[in-house]
Amino acid sequence: MKKYTLFELQQYLHRVISLNFPEPVWVTAEVSQVKSSRGHLYLDLVQKKEGDQGQ
């Protein structure tokens, strides 16, 4: 199994997403939890409930 650095993996994922989504993409989700660590905020996102289209 080939090993990748975090940077290599990030570059690969960026290329894959860019090739498959050439236009900007908006993701709709609910924030289920917010965590704070060393001045950074981390969001846990979950799928919105079915039937809730939001705006």
Protein backbone atom coordinates (compact mmCIF):
# COMPACT_ATOMS: atom_id res chain seq x y z
CA MET A 1 0.00 0.00 0.00
CA LYS A 2 1.39 3.40 -0.99
CA LYS A 3 1.79 5.94 1.80
CA TYR A 4 0.83 9.56 1.24
CA THR A 5 1.76 12.65 3.19
CA LEU A 6 -1.12 14.80 4.37
CA PHE A 7 -0.14 17.40 1.77
CA GLU A 8 -0.17 14.82 -1.05
CA LEU A 9 -3.58 13.55 0.03
CA GLN A 10 -4.96 17.09 0.19
CA GLN A 11 -3.62 17.85 -3.30
CA TYR A 12 -5.12 14.63 -4.69
CA LEU A 13 -8.53 15.30 -3.14
CA HIS A 14 -8.46 18.88 -4.42
CA ARG A 15 -7.84 17.64 -7.99
CA VAL A 16 -10.57 14.98 -7.79
CA ILE A 17 -13.15 17.44 -6.46
CA SER A 18 -12.13 20.16 -8.95
CA LEU A 19 -12.46 17.78 -11.90
CA ASN A 20 -15.88 16.51 -10.81
CA PHE A 21 -17.30 19.85 -9.67
CA PRO A 22 -15.97 22.53 -12.04
CA GLU A 23 -18.46 25.09 -10.71
CA PRO A 24 -18.71 26.26 -7.08
CA VAL A 25 -20.78 23.96 -4.85
CA TRP A 26 -22.94 24.89 -1.87
CA VAL A 27 -23.49 22.24 0.78
CA THR A 28 -26.60 22.39 2.94
CA ALA A 29 -26.34 20.75 6.35
CA GLU A 30 -27.16 21.26 9.99
CA VAL A 31 -24.50 22.06 12.56
CA SER A 32 -24.83 19.39 15.23
CA GLN A 33 -21.91 20.44 17.40
CA VAL A 34 -19.26 23.17 17.61
CA LYS A 35 -15.92 22.47 19.25
CA SER A 36 -13.26 25.04 20.07
CA SER A 37 -9.57 24.30 20.41
CA ARG A 38 -6.63 26.71 20.47
CA GLY A 39 -8.58 29.51 18.83
CA HIS A 40 -10.08 27.32 16.07
CA LEU A 41 -13.70 26.24 15.69
CA TYR A 42 -14.60 22.78 14.41
CA LEU A 43 -18.11 22.05 13.15
CA ASP A 44 -19.79 18.65 13.08
CA LEU A 45 -22.23 18.68 10.18
CA VAL A 46 -25.17 16.33 9.67
CA GLN A 47 -27.65 15.72 6.87
CA LYS A 48 -30.70 17.96 7.13
CA LYS A 49 -33.94 16.21 8.00
CA GLU A 50 -35.86 14.96 4.97
CA GLY A 51 -38.39 17.47 3.71
CA ASP A 52 -36.51 20.43 5.22
CA GLN A 53 -35.30 22.35 2.17
CA GLY A 54 -34.17 25.47 4.02
CA GLN A 55 -33.14 28.61 2.14
